Protein backbone atom coordinates (compact mmCIF):
# COMPACT_ATOMS: atom_id res chain seq x y z
CA MET A 1 7.11 -24.23 28.41
CA GLU A 2 3.52 -24.12 27.14
CA SER A 3 2.92 -23.31 23.48
CA HIS A 4 0.75 -20.36 22.42
CA THR A 5 -1.39 -19.74 19.35
CA VAL A 6 -1.76 -16.63 17.20
CA LEU A 7 -5.04 -16.07 15.35
CA VAL A 8 -4.78 -14.63 11.83
CA HIS A 9 -7.99 -12.95 10.64
CA ASP A 10 -9.39 -12.76 7.09
CA ILE A 11 -6.78 -14.85 5.30
CA ASN A 12 -9.12 -15.04 2.29
CA LEU A 13 -8.98 -11.25 1.99
CA HIS A 14 -5.21 -11.44 1.68
CA GLN A 15 -5.19 -14.69 -0.36
CA LEU A 16 -2.91 -16.37 2.18
CA ASP A 17 -2.71 -20.14 2.52
CA ALA A 18 -0.70 -22.31 4.91
CA SER A 19 2.44 -22.19 2.75
CA ASP A 20 2.28 -18.38 2.65
CA LEU A 21 1.85 -18.23 6.43
CA VAL A 22 4.84 -20.52 6.97
CA PHE A 23 6.92 -18.05 4.94
CA LEU A 24 5.47 -14.96 6.65
CA PHE A 25 5.60 -16.17 10.25
CA GLY A 26 8.76 -18.20 9.78
CA ARG A 27 10.75 -15.02 9.24
CA VAL A 28 10.05 -13.82 12.79
CA VAL A 29 9.19 -16.87 14.97
CA ASP A 30 9.43 -20.66 15.17
CA ILE A 31 6.25 -22.40 14.02
CA LEU A 32 4.95 -25.62 15.53
CA SER A 33 1.77 -25.98 13.47
CA ILE A 34 -0.77 -24.12 11.34
CA ASP A 35 -4.48 -24.94 11.24
CA ILE A 36 -6.91 -23.22 8.87
CA ASN A 37 -10.63 -22.93 9.54
CA GLY A 38 -12.52 -20.91 6.95
CA SER A 39 -11.15 -17.37 6.85
CA PHE A 40 -9.09 -17.85 10.01
CA ALA A 41 -5.67 -19.40 10.56
CA PHE A 42 -4.23 -20.59 13.86
CA VAL A 43 -0.44 -20.43 14.07
CA THR A 44 1.05 -22.20 17.08
CA VAL A 45 4.47 -21.09 18.36
CA PRO A 46 6.62 -22.53 21.18
CA ASN A 47 5.98 -19.93 23.88
CA GLN A 48 4.27 -16.68 24.85
CA GLU A 49 7.35 -14.61 24.08
CA GLN A 50 7.31 -15.73 20.45
CA ALA A 51 3.55 -15.20 20.19
CA ILE A 52 3.95 -11.60 21.37
CA ARG A 53 6.86 -11.12 18.96
CA ALA A 54 4.72 -12.35 16.05
CA ILE A 55 1.97 -9.86 16.90
CA HIS A 56 4.48 -7.03 17.34
CA GLU A 57 6.13 -7.73 13.98
CA LEU A 58 3.07 -8.62 11.89
CA PHE A 59 0.00 -6.78 13.21
CA GLY A 60 -0.89 -3.96 10.83
CA ARG A 61 1.45 -5.00 8.03
CA TYR A 62 -0.12 -4.25 4.66
CA ILE A 63 -0.64 -7.29 2.45
CA PRO A 64 -1.59 -7.15 -1.26
CA GLY A 65 -5.11 -8.51 -1.82
CA PRO A 66 -6.52 -10.49 -4.76
CA ASN A 67 -7.38 -7.32 -6.70
CA GLY A 68 -4.14 -5.53 -5.90
CA GLU A 69 -5.68 -3.49 -3.08
CA LEU A 70 -3.82 -3.26 0.22
CA ALA A 71 -5.28 -4.19 3.59
CA PRO A 72 -3.67 -4.51 7.03
CA LEU A 73 -3.02 -7.92 8.56
CA ARG A 74 -4.96 -8.60 11.79
CA VAL A 75 -3.41 -11.00 14.28
CA SER A 76 -4.19 -11.66 17.95
CA LEU A 77 -3.66 -14.18 20.75
CA THR A 78 -6.18 -17.00 21.10
CA GLU A 79 -6.86 -19.88 23.49
CA TYR A 80 -7.17 -22.31 20.58
CA HIS A 81 -5.07 -25.48 20.90
CA SER A 82 -3.53 -26.82 17.71
CA MET A 83 -4.37 -30.25 16.34
CA GLY A 84 -0.68 -30.72 15.53
CA LYS A 85 -0.89 -30.97 11.74
CA MET A 86 2.33 -31.19 9.73
CA LEU A 87 3.69 -27.93 8.33
CA PRO A 88 3.69 -27.49 4.55
CA ALA A 89 6.78 -26.18 2.80
CA ALA A 90 7.11 -22.40 2.77
CA ARG A 91 6.15 -20.68 -0.47
CA VAL A 92 8.65 -17.89 -1.08
CA ARG A 93 6.75 -14.68 -1.80
CA ARG A 94 8.85 -11.65 -2.60
CA ASP A 95 5.91 -9.32 -1.93
CA LEU A 96 5.77 -10.57 1.69
CA ALA A 97 9.52 -10.52 2.35
CA THR A 98 9.74 -6.85 3.35
CA PRO A 99 6.99 -5.24 5.48
CA MET A 100 4.71 -2.46 4.25
CA TRP A 101 3.32 0.00 6.80
CA GLN A 102 0.86 2.85 6.41
CA PHE A 103 1.63 6.12 8.21
CA ARG A 104 -0.69 9.06 8.83
CA VAL A 105 0.81 12.56 8.79
CA LYS A 106 -1.15 15.42 10.41
CA TYR A 107 -0.78 19.20 10.72
CA LEU A 108 0.57 19.72 7.21
CA HIS A 109 0.50 23.25 5.89
CA GLU A 110 -2.10 23.14 3.12
CA ARG A 111 0.38 24.65 0.63
CA THR A 112 3.22 22.27 1.44
CA ASP A 113 4.24 20.19 -1.57
CA PHE A 114 3.47 16.59 -0.61
CA ASP A 115 6.70 15.47 -2.30
CA VAL A 116 8.48 17.06 0.66
CA ILE A 117 6.61 14.66 2.96
CA LEU A 118 7.38 11.66 0.76
CA ASP A 119 11.07 12.59 0.88
CA LEU A 120 10.94 12.17 4.67
CA PHE A 121 10.00 8.50 4.22
CA ARG A 122 12.30 7.60 1.31
CA PRO A 123 15.40 7.03 3.51
CA PHE A 124 13.51 4.17 5.19
CA GLY A 125 12.58 2.29 2.01
CA THR A 126 10.26 2.47 -1.00
CA VAL A 127 7.15 4.66 -1.02
CA CYS A 128 4.45 2.36 -2.44
CA TRP A 129 1.38 4.57 -2.19
CA SER A 130 0.37 7.99 -0.90
CA GLY A 131 -2.70 10.16 -0.61
CA ARG A 132 -3.74 13.49 0.83
CA ASP A 133 -7.17 14.44 2.10
CA ALA A 134 -9.19 17.31 0.65
CA SER A 135 -8.20 19.74 3.43
CA GLY A 136 -4.53 19.32 2.55
CA THR A 137 -3.56 19.05 6.22
CA VAL A 138 -3.58 15.24 6.54
CA GLY A 139 -1.76 12.73 4.38
CA TYR A 140 -1.15 8.98 4.21
CA VAL A 141 1.95 7.12 3.06
CA ILE A 142 2.55 3.38 2.65
CA VAL A 143 6.24 2.47 2.82
CA ARG A 144 7.95 -0.83 2.14
CA THR A 145 10.76 -0.91 4.69
CA ALA A 146 12.87 -3.39 6.61
CA GLN A 147 12.43 -1.20 9.70
CA HIS A 148 9.59 -1.66 12.16
CA TRP A 149 6.97 1.10 12.14
CA ALA A 150 7.85 2.09 15.71
CA SER A 151 11.45 2.78 14.65
CA VAL A 152 10.28 4.95 11.75
CA LEU A 153 7.98 6.96 14.04
CA GLN A 154 10.77 7.47 16.55
CA LYS A 155 13.10 8.88 13.88
CA LEU A 156 10.43 11.20 12.45
CA HIS A 157 9.30 12.50 15.85
CA GLY A 158 9.61 16.27 16.11
CA THR A 159 9.93 16.90 12.36
CA VAL A 160 9.04 20.46 11.32
CA VAL A 161 8.09 21.35 7.73
CA ALA A 162 7.16 24.89 6.64
CA GLY A 163 6.95 25.98 10.27
CA GLN A 164 4.51 23.19 11.15
CA ARG A 165 5.46 20.51 13.69
CA LEU A 166 4.13 17.34 12.09
CA SER A 167 2.40 14.48 13.86
CA PHE A 168 3.15 10.94 12.65
CA ALA A 169 1.20 7.80 13.55
CA ILE A 170 0.79 4.25 12.31
CA CYS A 171 -2.51 3.77 10.46
CA MET A 172 -4.36 0.46 10.24
CA SER A 173 -7.25 1.48 7.97
CA GLU A 174 -7.51 0.03 4.47
CA ALA A 175 -5.67 2.08 1.87
CA ARG A 176 -8.47 1.63 -0.66
CA SER A 177 -10.88 3.63 1.54
CA LEU A 178 -8.79 6.75 0.95
CA ARG A 179 -8.84 6.12 -2.79
CA ALA A 180 -12.62 5.87 -2.67
CA SER A 181 -12.88 9.16 -0.76
CA ALA A 182 -10.67 10.81 -3.37
CA GLU A 183 -12.98 9.59 -6.12
CA GLU A 184 -16.00 10.85 -4.21
CA SER A 185 -14.51 14.37 -4.06
CA ASN A 186 -15.55 14.86 -7.72
CA GLY A 187 -12.16 13.77 -9.01
CA SER A 188 -11.62 12.36 -12.48
CA PHE A 189 -9.79 9.02 -12.58
CA PHE A 190 -7.19 8.76 -15.37
CA VAL A 191 -5.09 5.78 -16.42
CA VAL A 192 -1.66 6.43 -17.93
CA SER A 193 0.20 3.69 -19.82
CA ASN A 194 3.41 3.31 -21.85
CA ILE A 195 5.45 5.12 -19.18
CA GLY A 196 9.20 4.56 -19.36
CA ARG A 197 10.39 2.31 -16.53
CA ASP A 198 13.05 4.85 -15.53
CA THR A 199 10.69 7.84 -15.72
CA ASP A 200 10.10 9.60 -12.40
CA PHE A 201 6.34 9.34 -11.81
CA ARG A 202 6.33 12.91 -10.54
CA SER A 203 6.87 13.95 -14.17
CA VAL A 204 3.54 12.32 -14.98
CA LEU A 205 1.79 14.05 -12.07
CA LYS A 206 3.07 17.44 -13.26
CA LEU A 207 1.20 16.92 -16.54
CA PHE A 208 -2.10 16.94 -14.61
CA ALA A 209 -1.23 19.78 -12.20
CA PRO A 210 -2.41 22.60 -14.56
CA PHE A 211 -5.93 21.11 -14.57
CA GLY A 212 -6.48 20.98 -10.80
CA THR A 213 -5.38 19.14 -7.66
CA VAL A 214 -3.92 15.64 -7.79
CA CYS A 215 -5.79 13.82 -5.00
CA TRP A 216 -4.32 10.35 -5.41
CA SER A 217 -1.80 8.54 -7.59
CA TYR A 218 -0.56 5.00 -8.08
CA ARG A 219 2.11 3.31 -10.16
CA HIS A 220 1.87 -0.32 -11.17
CA VAL A 221 4.52 -2.85 -10.15
CA TYR A 222 6.10 -2.97 -13.62
CA GLY A 223 6.50 0.79 -13.73
CA THR A 224 4.89 1.26 -17.16
CA TYR A 225 1.32 1.90 -15.97
CA GLY A 226 -0.15 4.32 -13.48
CA ALA A 227 -3.33 6.02 -12.36
CA VAL A 228 -4.11 9.55 -11.23
CA ILE A 229 -7.22 11.07 -9.63
CA VAL A 230 -7.49 14.80 -10.32
CA LYS A 231 -10.00 17.17 -8.77
CA THR A 232 -10.66 19.54 -11.66
CA SER A 233 -13.32 21.89 -12.98
CA ALA A 234 -12.44 20.84 -16.53
CA HIS A 235 -14.35 18.01 -18.18
CA TRP A 236 -12.28 14.86 -18.51
CA ASN A 237 -12.55 15.11 -22.30
CA GLN A 238 -10.77 18.47 -22.18
CA VAL A 239 -7.96 16.98 -20.12
CA LEU A 240 -7.55 14.08 -22.55
CA ASP A 241 -7.55 16.43 -25.56
CA ALA A 242 -4.89 18.64 -23.98
CA LEU A 243 -2.64 15.70 -23.10
CA ARG A 244 -3.08 13.74 -26.33
CA GLY A 245 0.27 13.00 -27.96
CA THR A 246 2.32 13.80 -24.86
CA THR A 247 5.81 12.28 -24.89
CA LEU A 248 8.01 11.70 -21.81
CA ALA A 249 11.58 10.42 -22.04
CA GLY A 250 10.95 9.23 -25.59
CA HIS A 251 7.74 7.37 -24.70
CA ARG A 252 4.43 8.48 -26.20
CA LEU A 253 1.97 8.21 -23.31
CA ARG A 254 -1.49 6.67 -23.61
CA ILE A 255 -3.97 8.41 -21.32
CA ALA A 256 -7.58 7.30 -20.79
CA ILE A 257 -10.46 8.03 -18.43
CA CYS A 258 -11.36 5.21 -16.06
CA LYS A 259 -14.96 4.79 -14.87
CA ASN A 260 -14.38 1.62 -12.85
CA ASP A 261 -15.01 1.63 -9.10
CA VAL A 262 -11.60 2.04 -7.43
CA ARG A 263 -12.96 0.43 -4.26
CA SER A 264 -12.93 -3.01 -5.85
CA ARG A 265 -10.31 -2.90 -8.58
CA GLU A 266 -6.86 -1.39 -8.66
CA LEU A 267 -6.80 -0.62 -12.37
CA PRO A 268 -9.08 -1.73 -15.24
CA GLU A 269 -7.93 -4.65 -17.36
CA SER A 270 -9.85 -3.13 -20.28
CA VAL A 271 -7.06 -0.60 -20.87
CA GLY A 272 -4.40 -3.28 -21.26
CA LEU A 273 -2.98 -3.44 -17.75
CA MET A 274 -1.40 -6.46 -16.07
CA PRO A 275 -3.74 -9.01 -14.44
CA ARG A 276 -5.14 -8.14 -11.06
CA GLY A 277 -3.27 -9.51 -8.08
CA THR A 278 0.22 -9.02 -9.57
CA PRO A 279 2.59 -8.78 -6.58
CA TRP A 280 4.18 -5.45 -5.76
CA ASP A 281 7.94 -5.07 -5.63
CA SER A 282 10.52 -2.33 -5.18
CA ARG A 283 9.57 -0.64 -8.44
CA VAL A 284 6.24 0.47 -7.02
CA ASN A 285 6.57 4.14 -6.24
CA ILE A 286 4.85 7.48 -6.28
């Protein structure tokens, strides 16, 4: 039976090399060879059935980028014929072991607490990131789950919240674009550090709720750092003054304003955060 090749786009964006691809593809198909040409990789598998399986399982999976941002993996069939190079050993990457998918939720009631929506996804795995648009009727959730996105959609089909029948769909756009739009809605970007590892991040979000609307939030992989974008009429200095000295679960929080561009960097190193590109794991949550 004739072999087939899968094209992987923008491997530089995801910081994937041949060893990473052996690990990623090897979990779903048999690999004959991998060739890399610039920002593209060509993964050859034994037959068309396995090529289609690779695309079904991997297309749209969110992969952590070099700066910690998330972007969907793009894969497609190609007519390229492999040169038959030897396969390198697989590099085990925990952050690639379990898929991450982004889901779009529409027809939310604007007054529905978004935590209710996140609770719908928690039975499937770990909520890694979430955001809600300015209208309040559309939201986005990235979930790390062992289930395929199609299975998640099937189980959520027909869900009604606050009298609204919700619409769920898989979303392939970059998560960082939503963060940028949140910043552009006149939100103030705060960094919170020294959070207790066992502290529910919703307790942190409630601290900002009196000042306005929380547009976006993120918690770092180690659980002790986070970021919050708040749309507020108060000046950021007023927010910092009001929250100075706040203690949660015995931890005195450090809260600072962040003026870095969230399009290009997850969190600023200048406030003592972990190096960019640190892999995500199951402790990432909203």
